[in-house]
PDB file of N, CA and C in Angstrom:
ATOM      1  N   UNK A   1      97.353 101.906 106.514  1.00  0.00           N
ATOM      2  CA  UNK A   1      97.618 100.603 105.930  1.00  0.00           C
ATOM      3  C   UNK A   1      97.456  99.528 106.992  1.00  0.00           C
ATOM      4  N   UNK A   2      96.784  98.438 106.630  1.00  0.00           N
ATOM      5  CA  UNK A   2      96.521  97.345 107.561  1.00  0.00           C
ATOM      6  C   UNK A   2      97.797  96.558 107.843  1.00  0.00           C
ATOM      7  N   UNK A   3      97.871  96.046 109.068  1.00  0.00           N
ATOM      8  CA  UNK A   3      99.009  95.215 109.453  1.00  0.00           C
ATOM      9  C   UNK A   3      98.913  93.874 108.739  1.00  0.00           C
ATOM     10  N   UNK A   4     100.038  93.287 108.364  1.00  0.00           N
ATOM     11  CA  UNK A   4      99.995  91.980 107.693  1.00  0.00           C
ATOM     12  C   UNK A   4      99.429  90.910 108.628  1.00  0.00           C
ATOM     13  N   UNK A   5      98.766  89.935 108.040  1.00  0.00           N
ATOM     14  CA  UNK A   5      98.191  88.831 108.798  1.00  0.00           C
ATOM     15  C   UNK A   5      99.306  87.864 109.152  1.00  0.00           C
ATOM     16  N   UNK A   6      99.424  87.475 110.445  1.00  0.00           N
ATOM     17  CA  UNK A   6     100.479  86.531 110.819  1.00  0.00           C
ATOM     18  C   UNK A   6     100.195  85.134 110.277  1.00  0.00           C
ATOM     19  N   UNK A   7     101.243  84.339 110.151  1.00  0.00           N
ATOM     20  CA  UNK A   7     101.091  82.957 109.699  1.00  0.00           C
ATOM     21  C   UNK A   7     101.266  82.829 108.204  1.00  0.00           C
ATOM     22  N   UNK A   8     101.219  81.588 107.728  1.00  0.00           N
ATOM     23  CA  UNK A   8     101.425  81.347 106.296  1.00  0.00           C
ATOM     24  C   UNK A   8     100.278  81.899 105.457  1.00  0.00           C
ATOM     25  N   UNK A   9     100.593  82.275 104.233  1.00  0.00           N
ATOM     26  CA  UNK A   9      99.593  82.769 103.292  1.00  0.00           C
ATOM     27  C   UNK A   9      99.521  81.781 102.138  1.00  0.00           C
ATOM     28  N   UNK A  10      98.306  81.579 101.634  1.00  0.00           N
ATOM     29  CA  UNK A  10      98.098  80.621 100.552  1.00  0.00           C
ATOM     30  C   UNK A  10      97.319  81.268  99.430  1.00  0.00           C
ATOM     31  N   UNK A  11      97.544  80.790  98.238  1.00  0.00           N
ATOM     32  CA  UNK A  11      96.735  81.161  97.093  1.00  0.00           C
ATOM     33  C   UNK A  11      95.527  80.242  97.141  1.00  0.00           C
ATOM     34  N   UNK A  12      94.335  80.802  97.374  1.00  0.00           N
ATOM     35  CA  UNK A  12      93.141  79.986  97.579  1.00  0.00           C
ATOM     36  C   UNK A  12      92.864  79.057  96.398  1.00  0.00           C
ATOM     37  N   UNK A  13      92.974  79.570  95.184  1.00  0.00           N
ATOM     38  CA  UNK A  13      92.688  78.747  94.005  1.00  0.00           C
ATOM     39  C   UNK A  13      93.735  77.649  93.825  1.00  0.00           C
ATOM     40  N   UNK A  14      94.975  77.962  94.081  1.00  0.00           N
ATOM     41  CA  UNK A  14      96.063  77.006  93.864  1.00  0.00           C
ATOM     42  C   UNK A  14      96.200  75.997  95.007  1.00  0.00           C
ATOM     43  N   UNK A  15      96.079  76.462  96.253  1.00  0.00           N
ATOM     44  CA  UNK A  15      96.374  75.612  97.399  1.00  0.00           C
ATOM     45  C   UNK A  15      95.153  75.013  98.099  1.00  0.00           C
ATOM     46  N   UNK A  16      93.956  75.486  97.773  1.00  0.00           N
ATOM     47  CA  UNK A  16      92.779  74.995  98.494  1.00  0.00           C
ATOM     48  C   UNK A  16      91.721  74.345  97.604  1.00  0.00           C
ATOM     49  N   UNK A  17      91.288  75.037  96.565  1.00  0.00           N
ATOM     50  CA  UNK A  17      90.203  74.518  95.732  1.00  0.00           C
ATOM     51  C   UNK A  17      90.567  73.175  95.087  1.00  0.00           C
ATOM     52  N   UNK A  18      89.612  72.278  95.075  1.00  0.00           N
ATOM     53  CA  UNK A  18      89.734  70.955  94.446  1.00  0.00           C
ATOM     54  C   UNK A  18      90.752  70.044  95.119  1.00  0.00           C
ATOM     55  N   UNK A  19      91.210  70.396  96.299  1.00  0.00           N
ATOM     56  CA  UNK A  19      92.142  69.529  97.034  1.00  0.00           C
ATOM     57  C   UNK A  19      91.371  68.466  97.790  1.00  0.00           C
ATOM     58  N   UNK A  20      92.002  67.323  97.986  1.00  0.00           N
ATOM     59  CA  UNK A  20      91.409  66.221  98.731  1.00  0.00           C
ATOM     60  C   UNK A  20      91.400  66.563 100.212  1.00  0.00           C
ATOM     61  N   UNK A  21      90.313  66.217 100.910  1.00  0.00           N
ATOM     62  CA  UNK A  21      90.230  66.370 102.361  1.00  0.00           C
ATOM     63  C   UNK A  21      90.546  65.024 103.004  1.00  0.00           C
ATOM     64  N   UNK A  22      91.401  65.042 104.010  1.00  0.00           N
ATOM     65  CA  UNK A  22      91.819  63.824 104.705  1.00  0.00           C
ATOM     66  C   UNK A  22      91.591  64.044 106.193  1.00  0.00           C
ATOM     67  N   UNK A  23      90.906  63.077 106.859  1.00  0.00           N
ATOM     68  CA  UNK A  23      90.661  63.244 108.292  1.00  0.00           C
ATOM     69  C   UNK A  23      91.860  62.756 109.096  1.00  0.00           C
ATOM     70  N   UNK A  24      91.756  62.846 110.420  1.00  0.00           N
ATOM     71  CA  UNK A  24      92.887  62.507 111.290  1.00  0.00           C
ATOM     72  C   UNK A  24      93.244  61.024 111.257  1.00  0.00           C
ATOM     73  N   UNK A  25      92.308  60.189 110.759  1.00  0.00           N
ATOM     74  CA  UNK A  25      92.596  58.757 110.625  1.00  0.00           C
ATOM     75  C   UNK A  25      93.180  58.418 109.258  1.00  0.00           C
ATOM     76  N   UNK A  26      93.412  59.433 108.429  1.00  0.00           N
ATOM     77  CA  UNK A  26      93.983  59.222 107.112  1.00  0.00           C
ATOM     78  C   UNK A  26      92.966  58.843 106.043  1.00  0.00           C
ATOM     79  N   UNK A  27      91.669  58.918 106.371  1.00  0.00           N
ATOM     80  CA  UNK A  27      90.623  58.585 105.397  1.00  0.00           C
ATOM     81  C   UNK A  27      90.363  59.759 104.462  1.00  0.00           C
ATOM     82  N   UNK A  28      90.149  59.449 103.187  1.00  0.00           N
ATOM     83  CA  UNK A  28      89.756  60.470 102.219  1.00  0.00           C
ATOM     84  C   UNK A  28      88.284  60.759 102.460  1.00  0.00           C
ATOM     85  N   UNK A  29      87.933  62.017 102.731  1.00  0.00           N
ATOM     86  CA  UNK A  29      86.563  62.336 103.136  1.00  0.00           C
ATOM     87  C   UNK A  29      85.862  63.320 102.210  1.00  0.00           C
ATOM     88  N   UNK A  30      86.476  63.685 101.114  1.00  0.00           N
ATOM     89  CA  UNK A  30      85.838  64.597 100.178  1.00  0.00           C
ATOM     90  C   UNK A  30      86.847  65.503  99.512  1.00  0.00           C
ATOM     91  N   UNK A  31      86.314  66.461  98.771  1.00  0.00           N
ATOM     92  CA  UNK A  31      87.160  67.448  98.096  1.00  0.00           C
ATOM     93  C   UNK A  31      86.656  68.841  98.426  1.00  0.00           C
ATOM     94  N   UNK A  32      87.533  69.808  98.337  1.00  0.00           N
ATOM     95  CA  UNK A  32      87.146  71.202  98.541  1.00  0.00           C
ATOM     96  C   UNK A  32      86.453  71.657  97.262  1.00  0.00           C
ATOM     97  N   UNK A  33      85.141  71.897  97.350  1.00  0.00           N
ATOM     98  CA  UNK A  33      84.378  72.297  96.174  1.00  0.00           C
ATOM     99  C   UNK A  33      84.257  73.810  96.044  1.00  0.00           C
ATOM    100  N   UNK A  34      84.304  74.519  97.148  1.00  0.00           N
ATOM    101  CA  UNK A  34      84.256  75.985  97.119  1.00  0.00           C
ATOM    102  C   UNK A  34      84.753  76.495  98.457  1.00  0.00           C
ATOM    103  N   UNK A  35      84.911  77.799  98.541  1.00  0.00           N
ATOM    104  CA  UNK A  35      85.415  78.423  99.760  1.00  0.00           C
ATOM    105  C   UNK A  35      84.456  79.507 100.222  1.00  0.00           C
ATOM    106  N   UNK A  36      84.372  79.672 101.520  1.00  0.00           N
ATOM    107  CA  UNK A  36      83.603  80.767 102.104  1.00  0.00           C
ATOM    108  C   UNK A  36      84.600  81.872 102.444  1.00  0.00           C
ATOM    109  N   UNK A  37      84.336  83.077 101.956  1.00  0.00           N
ATOM    110  CA  UNK A  37      85.224  84.207 102.187  1.00  0.00           C
ATOM    111  C   UNK A  37      84.567  85.201 103.123  1.00  0.00           C
ATOM    112  N   UNK A  38      85.360  85.799 103.991  1.00  0.00           N
ATOM    113  CA  UNK A  38      84.898  86.827 104.920  1.00  0.00           C
ATOM    114  C   UNK A  38      85.713  88.086 104.674  1.00  0.00           C
ATOM    115  N   UNK A  39      85.024  89.219 104.613  1.00  0.00           N
ATOM    116  CA  UNK A  39      85.709  90.501 104.465  1.00  0.00           C
ATOM    117  C   UNK A  39      85.952  91.049 105.864  1.00  0.00           C
ATOM    118  N   UNK A  40      87.210  91.278 106.186  1.00  0.00           N
ATOM    119  CA  UNK A  40      87.578  91.793 107.501  1.00  0.00           C
ATOM    120  C   UNK A  40      87.405  93.305 107.542  1.00  0.00           C
ATOM    121  N   UNK A  41      87.464  93.878 108.735  1.00  0.00           N
ATOM    122  CA  UNK A  41      87.289  95.322 108.922  1.00  0.00           C
ATOM    123  C   UNK A  41      88.291  96.119 108.086  1.00  0.00           C
ATOM    124  N   UNK A  42      89.468  95.563 107.865  1.00  0.00           N
ATOM    125  CA  UNK A  42      90.507  96.242 107.086  1.00  0.00           C
ATOM    126  C   UNK A  42      90.201  96.232 105.590  1.00  0.00           C
ATOM    127  N   UNK A  43      89.191  95.432 105.201  1.00  0.00           N
ATOM    128  CA  UNK A  43      88.868  95.293 103.783  1.00  0.00           C
ATOM    129  C   UNK A  43      89.516  94.079 103.145  1.00  0.00           C
ATOM    130  N   UNK A  44      90.421  93.432 103.877  1.00  0.00           N
ATOM    131  CA  UNK A  44      91.088  92.234 103.365  1.00  0.00           C
ATOM    132  C   UNK A  44      90.112  91.057 103.380  1.00  0.00           C
ATOM    133  N   UNK A  45      90.266  90.147 102.423  1.00  0.00           N
ATOM    134  CA  UNK A  45      89.434  88.952 102.390  1.00  0.00           C
ATOM    135  C   UNK A  45      90.194  87.791 102.998  1.00  0.00           C
ATOM    136  N   UNK A  46      89.441  86.965 103.743  1.00  0.00           N
ATOM    137  CA  UNK A  46      90.032  85.822 104.431  1.00  0.00           C
ATOM    138  C   UNK A  46      89.147  84.610 104.176  1.00  0.00           C
ATOM    139  N   UNK A  47      89.765  83.449 103.957  1.00  0.00           N
ATOM    140  CA  UNK A  47      89.002  82.210 103.811  1.00  0.00           C
ATOM    141  C   UNK A  47      88.555  81.793 105.206  1.00  0.00           C
ATOM    142  N   UNK A  48      87.232  81.703 105.405  1.00  0.00           N
ATOM    143  CA  UNK A  48      86.706  81.359 106.724  1.00  0.00           C
ATOM    144  C   UNK A  48      86.126  79.951 106.764  1.00  0.00           C
ATOM    145  N   UNK A  49      85.905  79.344 105.601  1.00  0.00           N
ATOM    146  CA  UNK A  49      85.347  78.004 105.602  1.00  0.00           C
ATOM    147  C   UNK A  49      85.573  77.281 104.296  1.00  0.00           C
ATOM    148  N   UNK A  50      85.489  75.957 104.388  1.00  0.00           N
ATOM    149  CA  UNK A  50      85.590  75.083 103.230  1.00  0.00           C
ATOM    150  C   UNK A  50      84.203  74.514 102.978  1.00  0.00           C
ATOM    151  N   UNK A  51      83.742  74.596 101.738  1.00  0.00           N
ATOM    152  CA  UNK A  51      82.425  74.094 101.380  1.00  0.00           C
ATOM    153  C   UNK A  51      82.583  72.828 100.545  1.00  0.00           C
ATOM    154  N   UNK A  52      81.744  71.829 100.858  1.00  0.00           N
ATOM    155  CA  UNK A  52      81.883  70.508 100.250  1.00  0.00           C
ATOM    156  C   UNK A  52      80.539  70.048  99.696  1.00  0.00           C
ATOM    157  N   UNK A  53      80.569  69.405  98.547  1.00  0.00           N
ATOM    158  CA  UNK A  53      79.379  68.776  97.998  1.00  0.00           C
ATOM    159  C   UNK A  53      78.796  69.501  96.804  1.00  0.00           C
ATOM    160  N   UNK A  54      77.755  68.907  96.200  1.00  0.00           N
ATOM    161  CA  UNK A  54      77.180  69.471  94.972  1.00  0.00           C
ATOM    162  C   UNK A  54      76.585  70.857  95.153  1.00  0.00           C
ATOM    163  N   UNK A  55      76.121  71.171  96.347  1.00  0.00           N
ATOM    164  CA  UNK A  55      75.577  72.510  96.593  1.00  0.00           C
ATOM    165  C   UNK A  55      76.636  73.592  96.501  1.00  0.00           C
ATOM    166  N   UNK A  56      77.876  73.224  96.724  1.00  0.00           N
ATOM    167  CA  UNK A  56      78.992  74.161  96.603  1.00  0.00           C
ATOM    168  C   UNK A  56      79.630  74.088  95.224  1.00  0.00           C
ATOM    169  N   UNK A  57      79.629  72.904  94.634  1.00  0.00           N
ATOM    170  CA  UNK A  57      80.293  72.712  93.340  1.00  0.00           C
ATOM    171  C   UNK A  57      79.486  73.274  92.176  1.00  0.00           C
ATOM    172  N   UNK A  58      78.172  73.109  92.200  1.00  0.00           N
ATOM    173  CA  UNK A  58      77.315  73.564  91.099  1.00  0.00           C
ATOM    174  C   UNK A  58      77.522  75.015  90.708  1.00  0.00           C
ATOM    175  N   UNK A  59      77.486  75.945  91.666  1.00  0.00           N
ATOM    176  CA  UNK A  59      77.689  77.352  91.305  1.00  0.00           C
ATOM    177  C   UNK A  59      79.055  77.641  90.685  1.00  0.00           C
ATOM    178  N   UNK A  60      80.058  76.846  90.999  1.00  0.00           N
ATOM    179  CA  UNK A  60      81.376  77.038  90.375  1.00  0.00           C
ATOM    180  C   UNK A  60      81.335  76.718  88.895  1.00  0.00           C
ATOM    181  N   UNK A  61      80.511  75.735  88.501  1.00  0.00           N
ATOM    182  CA  UNK A  61      80.369  75.404  87.083  1.00  0.00           C
ATOM    183  C   UNK A  61      79.663  76.529  86.341  1.00  0.00           C
ATOM    184  N   UNK A  62      78.629  77.053  86.975  1.00  0.00           N
ATOM    185  CA  UNK A  62      77.847  78.097  86.320  1.00  0.00           C
ATOM    186  C   UNK A  62      77.024  77.530  85.175  1.00  0.00           C
ATOM    187  N   UNK A  63      76.245  78.382  84.538  1.00  0.00           N
ATOM    188  CA  UNK A  63      75.449  77.979  83.381  1.00  0.00           C
ATOM    189  C   UNK A  63      74.446  76.891  83.702  1.00  0.00           C
ATOM    190  N   UNK A  64      73.981  76.236  82.657  1.00  0.00           N
ATOM    191  CA  UNK A  64      72.958  75.196  82.805  1.00  0.00           C
ATOM    192  C   UNK A  64      73.446  73.999  83.620  1.00  0.00           C
ATOM    193  N   UNK A  65      74.676  73.589  83.374  1.00  0.00           N
ATOM    194  CA  UNK A  65      75.192  72.421  84.099  1.00  0.00           C
ATOM    195  C   UNK A  65      75.206  72.699  85.601  1.00  0.00           C
ATOM    196  N   UNK A  66      75.706  73.854  85.981  1.00  0.00           N
ATOM    197  CA  UNK A  66      75.719  74.225  87.395  1.00  0.00           C
ATOM    198  C   UNK A  66      74.322  74.296  87.980  1.00  0.00           C
ATOM    199  N   UNK A  67      73.386  74.851  87.222  1.00  0.00           N
ATOM    200  CA  UNK A  67      71.998  74.927  87.689  1.00  0.00           C
ATOM    201  C   UNK A  67      71.415  73.545  87.878  1.00  0.00           C
ATOM    202  N   UNK A  68      71.698  72.611  86.958  1.00  0.00           N
ATOM    203  CA  UNK A  68      71.187  71.251  87.063  1.00  0.00           C
ATOM    204  C   UNK A  68      71.764  70.533  88.287  1.00  0.00           C
ATOM    205  N   UNK A  69      73.056  70.714  88.504  1.00  0.00           N
ATOM    206  CA  UNK A  69      73.689  70.079  89.665  1.00  0.00           C
ATOM    207  C   UNK A  69      73.026  70.553  90.948  1.00  0.00           C
ATOM    208  N   UNK A  70      72.860  71.865  91.081  1.00  0.00           N
ATOM    209  CA  UNK A  70      72.251  72.417  92.290  1.00  0.00           C
ATOM    210  C   UNK A  70      70.783  71.994  92.396  1.00  0.00           C
ATOM    211  N   UNK A  71      70.043  72.017  91.282  1.00  0.00           N
ATOM    212  CA  UNK A  71      68.627  71.639  91.309  1.00  0.00           C
ATOM    213  C   UNK A  71      68.458  70.183  91.751  1.00  0.00           C
ATOM    214  N   UNK A  72      69.291  69.289  91.248  1.00  0.00           N
ATOM    215  CA  UNK A  72      69.214  67.880  91.649  1.00  0.00           C
ATOM    216  C   UNK A  72      69.550  67.731  93.124  1.00  0.00           C
ATOM    217  N   UNK A  73      70.565  68.445  93.579  1.00  0.00           N
ATOM    218  CA  UNK A  73      70.974  68.389  94.983  1.00  0.00           C
ATOM    219  C   UNK A  73      69.853  68.895  95.890  1.00  0.00           C
ATOM    220  N   UNK A  74      69.237  70.018  95.530  1.00  0.00           N
ATOM    221  CA  UNK A  74      68.140  70.573  96.336  1.00  0.00           C
ATOM    222  C   UNK A  74      66.969  69.595  96.373  1.00  0.00           C
ATOM    223  N   UNK A  75      66.644  69.019  95.219  1.00  0.00           N
ATOM    224  CA  UNK A  75      65.496  68.102  95.144  1.00  0.00           C
ATOM    225  C   UNK A  75      65.717  66.851  95.995  1.00  0.00           C
ATOM    226  N   UNK A  76      66.938  66.369  96.060  1.00  0.00           N
ATOM    227  CA  UNK A  76      67.235  65.154  96.816  1.00  0.00           C
ATOM    228  C   UNK A  76      67.535  65.426  98.290  1.00  0.00           C
ATOM    229  N   UNK A  77      67.663  66.686  98.665  1.00  0.00           N
ATOM    230  CA  UNK A  77      68.000  67.043 100.043  1.00  0.00           C
ATOM    231  C   UNK A  77      66.749  67.058 100.907  1.00  0.00           C
ATOM    232  N   UNK A  78      66.892  66.681 102.156  1.00  0.00           N
ATOM    233  CA  UNK A  78      65.723  66.637 103.037  1.00  0.00           C
ATOM    234  C   UNK A  78      65.331  68.004 103.583  1.00  0.00           C
ATOM    235  N   UNK A  79      66.237  68.964 103.608  1.00  0.00           N
ATOM    236  CA  UNK A  79      65.923  70.311 104.089  1.00  0.00           C
ATOM    237  C   UNK A  79      65.272  71.127 102.984  1.00  0.00           C
ATOM    238  N   UNK A  80      64.352  72.013 103.369  1.00  0.00           N
ATOM    239  CA  UNK A  80      63.671  72.857 102.385  1.00  0.00           C
ATOM    240  C   UNK A  80      64.637  73.838 101.724  1.00  0.00           C
ATOM    241  N   UNK A  81      65.559  74.390 102.486  1.00  0.00           N
ATOM    242  CA  UNK A  81      66.562  75.323 101.963  1.00  0.00           C
ATOM    243  C   UNK A  81      67.945  74.850 102.396  1.00  0.00           C
ATOM    244  N   UNK A  82      68.489  73.850 101.712  1.00  0.00           N
ATOM    245  CA  UNK A  82      69.773  73.290 102.130  1.00  0.00           C
ATOM    246  C   UNK A  82      70.939  74.239 101.882  1.00  0.00           C
ATOM    247  N   UNK A  83      71.969  74.069 102.678  1.00  0.00           N
ATOM    248  CA  UNK A  83      73.220  74.801 102.477  1.00  0.00           C
ATOM    249  C   UNK A  83      74.331  73.767 102.337  1.00  0.00           C
ATOM    250  N   UNK A  84      75.389  74.097 101.618  1.00  0.00           N
ATOM    251  CA  UNK A  84      76.492  73.138 101.451  1.00  0.00           C
ATOM    252  C   UNK A  84      77.109  72.760 102.795  1.00  0.00           C
ATOM    253  N   UNK A  85      77.682  71.554 102.848  1.00  0.00           N
ATOM    254  CA  UNK A  85      78.414  71.154 104.050  1.00  0.00           C
ATOM    255  C   UNK A  85      79.597  72.105 104.212  1.00  0.00           C
ATOM    256  N   UNK A  86      79.873  72.502 105.452  1.00  0.00           N
ATOM    257  CA  UNK A  86      80.899  73.513 105.724  1.00  0.00           C
ATOM    258  C   UNK A  86      81.832  73.039 106.823  1.00  0.00           C
ATOM    259  N   UNK A  87      83.108  73.274 106.604  1.00  0.00           N
ATOM    260  CA  UNK A  87      84.128  73.074 107.632  1.00  0.00           C
ATOM    261  C   UNK A  87      84.765  74.430 107.906  1.00  0.00           C
ATOM    262  N   UNK A  88      84.889  74.769 109.164  1.00  0.00           N
ATOM    263  CA  UNK A  88      85.572  75.996 109.539  1.00  0.00           C
ATOM    264  C   UNK A  88      87.073  75.837 109.301  1.00  0.00           C
ATOM    265  N   UNK A  89      87.740  76.927 109.009  1.00  0.00           N
ATOM    266  CA  UNK A  89      89.197  76.856 108.835  1.00  0.00           C
ATOM    267  C   UNK A  89      89.878  76.476 110.143  1.00  0.00           C
ATOM    268  N   UNK A  90      89.174  76.635 111.277  1.00  0.00           N
ATOM    269  CA  UNK A  90      89.727  76.201 112.560  1.00  0.00           C
ATOM    270  C   UNK A  90      89.856  74.684 112.614  1.00  0.00           C
ATOM    271  N   UNK A  91      89.125  73.972 111.752  1.00  0.00           N
ATOM    272  CA  UNK A  91      89.178  72.516 111.704  1.00  0.00           C
ATOM    273  C   UNK A  91      90.263  71.995 110.763  1.00  0.00           C
ATOM    274  N   UNK A  92      90.991  72.896 110.113  1.00  0.00           N
ATOM    275  CA  UNK A  92      92.083  72.508 109.221  1.00  0.00           C
ATOM    276  C   UNK A  92      93.343  72.310 110.050  1.00  0.00           C
ATOM    277  N   UNK A  93      93.905  71.111 109.954  1.00  0.00           N
ATOM    278  CA  UNK A  93      95.118  70.780 110.691  1.00  0.00           C
ATOM    279  C   UNK A  93      96.348  71.218 109.909  1.00  0.00           C
ATOM    280  N   UNK A  94      96.365  70.902 108.612  1.00  0.00           N
ATOM    281  CA  UNK A  94      97.497  71.294 107.778  1.00  0.00           C
ATOM    282  C   UNK A  94      97.065  71.370 106.318  1.00  0.00           C
ATOM    283  N   UNK A  95      97.800  72.172 105.572  1.00  0.00           N
ATOM    284  CA  UNK A  95      97.554  72.319 104.140  1.00  0.00           C
ATOM    285  C   UNK A  95      98.815  71.873 103.423  1.00  0.00           C
ATOM    286  N   UNK A  96      98.687  70.746 102.739  1.00  0.00           N
ATOM    287  CA  UNK A  96      99.798  70.171 101.985  1.00  0.00           C
ATOM    288  C   UNK A  96      99.261  69.858 100.592  1.00  0.00           C
ATOM    289  N   UNK A  97      99.669  68.731 100.007  1.00  0.00           N
ATOM    290  CA  UNK A  97      99.070  68.336  98.734  1.00  0.00           C
ATOM    291  C   UNK A  97      97.609  67.978  98.945  1.00  0.00           C
ATOM    292  N   UNK A  98      97.258  67.567 100.151  1.00  0.00           N
ATOM    293  CA  UNK A  98      95.876  67.376 100.592  1.00  0.00           C
ATOM    294  C   UNK A  98      95.658  68.295 101.785  1.00  0.00           C
ATOM    295  N   UNK A  99      94.408  68.505 102.116  1.00  0.00           N
ATOM    296  CA  UNK A  99      94.082  69.334 103.283  1.00  0.00           C
ATOM    297  C   UNK A  99      93.643  68.396 104.400  1.00  0.00           C
ATOM    298  N   UNK A 100      94.370  68.422 105.487  1.00  0.00           N
ATOM    299  CA  UNK A 100      94.093  67.548 106.625  1.00  0.00           C
ATOM    300  C   UNK A 100      93.168  68.289 107.587  1.00  0.00           C
ATOM    301  N   UNK A 101      92.053  67.604 107.950  1.00  0.00           N
ATOM    302  CA  UNK A 101      91.034  68.221 108.800  1.00  0.00           C
ATOM    303  C   UNK A 101      90.768  67.353 110.022  1.00  0.00           C
ATOM    304  N   UNK A 102      90.184  67.975 111.063  1.00  0.00           N
ATOM    305  CA  UNK A 102      89.932  67.258 112.309  1.00  0.00           C
ATOM    306  C   UNK A 102      88.704  66.371 112.245  1.00  0.00           C
ATOM    307  N   UNK A 103      87.777  66.649 111.345  1.00  0.00           N
ATOM    308  CA  UNK A 103      86.573  65.823 111.241  1.00  0.00           C
ATOM    309  C   UNK A 103      86.137  65.730 109.790  1.00  0.00           C
ATOM    310  N   UNK A 104      85.392  64.693 109.504  1.00  0.00           N
ATOM    311  CA  UNK A 104      84.875  64.488 108.158  1.00  0.00           C
ATOM    312  C   UNK A 104      83.509  65.156 108.037  1.00  0.00           C
ATOM    313  N   UNK A 105      83.302  65.970 107.005  1.00  0.00           N
ATOM    314  CA  UNK A 105      81.973  66.552 106.813  1.00  0.00           C
ATOM    315  C   UNK A 105      81.018  65.483 106.299  1.00  0.00           C
ATOM    316  N   UNK A 106      79.915  65.252 107.008  1.00  0.00           N
ATOM    317  CA  UNK A 106      78.967  64.215 106.590  1.00  0.00           C
ATOM    318  C   UNK A 106      77.739  64.852 105.962  1.00  0.00           C
ATOM    319  N   UNK A 107      77.306  64.267 104.871  1.00  0.00           N
ATOM    320  CA  UNK A 107      76.097  64.742 104.203  1.00  0.00           C
ATOM    321  C   UNK A 107      74.878  64.161 104.903  1.00  0.00           C
ATOM    322  N   UNK A 108      73.710  64.694 104.576  1.00  0.00           N
ATOM    323  CA  UNK A 108      72.463  64.185 105.134  1.00  0.00           C
ATOM    324  C   UNK A 108      72.288  62.711 104.777  1.00  0.00           C
ATOM    325  N   UNK A 109      72.653  62.346 103.552  1.00  0.00           N
ATOM    326  CA  UNK A 109      72.553  60.953 103.129  1.00  0.00           C
ATOM    327  C   UNK A 109      73.454  60.040 103.934  1.00  0.00           C
ATOM    328  N   UNK A 110      74.666  60.494 104.205  1.00  0.00           N
ATOM    329  CA  UNK A 110      75.596  59.700 104.997  1.00  0.00           C
ATOM    330  C   UNK A 110      75.086  59.525 106.428  1.00  0.00           C
ATOM    331  N   UNK A 111      74.523  60.610 107.002  1.00  0.00           N
ATOM    332  CA  UNK A 111      73.976  60.518 108.353  1.00  0.00           C
ATOM    333  C   UNK A 111      72.803  59.544 108.407  1.00  0.00           C
ATOM    334  N   UNK A 112      71.919  59.591 107.397  1.00  0.00           N
ATOM    335  CA  UNK A 112      70.772  58.688 107.342  1.00  0.00           C
ATOM    336  C   UNK A 112      71.252  57.246 107.224  1.00  0.00           C
ATOM    337  N   UNK A 113      72.193  56.995 106.310  1.00  0.00           N
ATOM    338  CA  UNK A 113      72.723  55.655 106.102  1.00  0.00           C
ATOM    339  C   UNK A 113      73.368  55.120 107.379  1.00  0.00           C
ATOM    340  N   UNK A 114      74.125  55.966 108.064  1.00  0.00           N
ATOM    341  CA  UNK A 114      74.778  55.558 109.301  1.00  0.00           C
ATOM    342  C   UNK A 114      73.746  55.161 110.359  1.00  0.00           C
ATOM    343  N   UNK A 115      72.697  55.990 110.515  1.00  0.00           N
ATOM    344  CA  UNK A 115      71.673  55.753 111.543  1.00  0.00           C
ATOM    345  C   UNK A 115      70.799  54.542 111.215  1.00  0.00           C
ATOM    346  N   UNK A 116      70.336  54.435 109.978  1.00  0.00           N
ATOM    347  CA  UNK A 116      69.344  53.422 109.628  1.00  0.00           C
ATOM    348  C   UNK A 116      69.917  52.109 109.094  1.00  0.00           C
ATOM    349  N   UNK A 117      71.167  52.102 108.695  1.00  0.00           N
ATOM    350  CA  UNK A 117      71.744  50.876 108.147  1.00  0.00           C
ATOM    351  C   UNK A 117      72.949  50.422 108.970  1.00  0.00           C
ATOM    352  N   UNK A 118      73.991  51.237 108.996  1.00  0.00           N
ATOM    353  CA  UNK A 118      75.249  50.839 109.638  1.00  0.00           C
ATOM    354  C   UNK A 118      75.057  50.552 111.123  1.00  0.00           C
ATOM    355  N   UNK A 119      74.380  51.458 111.844  1.00  0.00           N
ATOM    356  CA  UNK A 119      74.195  51.265 113.282  1.00  0.00           C
ATOM    357  C   UNK A 119      73.318  50.060 113.609  1.00  0.00           C
ATOM    358  N   UNK A 120      72.566  49.547 112.642  1.00  0.00           N
ATOM    359  CA  UNK A 120      71.688  48.408 112.874  1.00  0.00           C
ATOM    360  C   UNK A 120      72.418  47.063 112.700  1.00  0.00           C
ATOM    361  N   UNK A 121      73.607  47.100 112.184  1.00  0.00           N
ATOM    362  CA  UNK A 121      74.390  45.876 111.985  1.00  0.00           C
ATOM    363  C   UNK A 121      74.929  45.439 113.345  1.00  0.00           C
ATOM    364  N   UNK A 122      74.674  44.171 113.732  1.00  0.00           N
ATOM    365  CA  UNK A 122      75.198  43.698 115.026  1.00  0.00           C
ATOM    366  C   UNK A 122      76.712  43.882 115.107  1.00  0.00           C
ATOM    367  N   UNK A 123      77.147  44.488 116.200  1.00  0.00           N
ATOM    368  CA  UNK A 123      78.573  44.730 116.414  1.00  0.00           C
ATOM    369  C   UNK A 123      79.100  45.997 115.786  1.00  0.00           C
ATOM    370  N   UNK A 124      78.239  46.759 115.082  1.00  0.00           N
ATOM    371  CA  UNK A 124      78.708  47.960 114.397  1.00  0.00           C
ATOM    372  C   UNK A 124      79.223  49.007 115.375  1.00  0.00           C
ATOM    373  N   UNK A 125      78.671  49.044 116.570  1.00  0.00           N
ATOM    374  CA  UNK A 125      79.099  50.040 117.559  1.00  0.00           C
ATOM    375  C   UNK A 125      80.245  49.575 118.418  1.00  0.00           C
ATOM    376  N   UNK A 126      80.717  48.360 118.190  1.00  0.00           N
ATOM    377  CA  UNK A 126      81.786  47.791 119.009  1.00  0.00           C
ATOM    378  C   UNK A 126      83.111  47.902 118.266  1.00  0.00           C
ATOM    379  N   UNK A 127      84.091  48.482 118.916  1.00  0.00           N
ATOM    380  CA  UNK A 127      85.423  48.603 118.325  1.00  0.00           C
ATOM    381  C   UNK A 127      86.232  47.360 118.687  1.00  0.00           C
ATOM    382  N   UNK A 128      86.558  46.529 117.707  1.00  0.00           N
ATOM    383  CA  UNK A 128      87.347  45.324 118.029  1.00  0.00           C
ATOM    384  C   UNK A 128      88.739  45.695 118.506  1.00  0.00           C
ATOM    385  N   UNK A 129      89.231  44.903 119.452  1.00  0.00           N
ATOM    386  CA  UNK A 129      90.553  45.186 120.023  1.00  0.00           C
ATOM    387  C   UNK A 129      91.588  44.966 119.035  1.00  0.00           C
TER     388      UNK A 129
END
């Protein structure tokens, strides 16, 4: 029999899925759309990552709606074979009514917008005192 895993235990569906993600500055940065599970040597399953965005949400819907969500996401994505945005569980600070994380997962669109629009605004890189 495997030794129990130390630390708190959570019901993945109840305590993780569809919860709001909040970064260290208190900003709402997304929702948990799906989870990445890892099977350990003991056979136990462990949540190893949080998946965010339509690429993770579509398969949860299933059926035609899920296929359409994923197809639209793939078509609009710049990568030929995109994968959902992922946060490691090591980046989770706390699990409460929201899940507090150390960084915000940014989509390709957000990165493009930041580089080509936001960073071009005079003073955008300057933090006012």
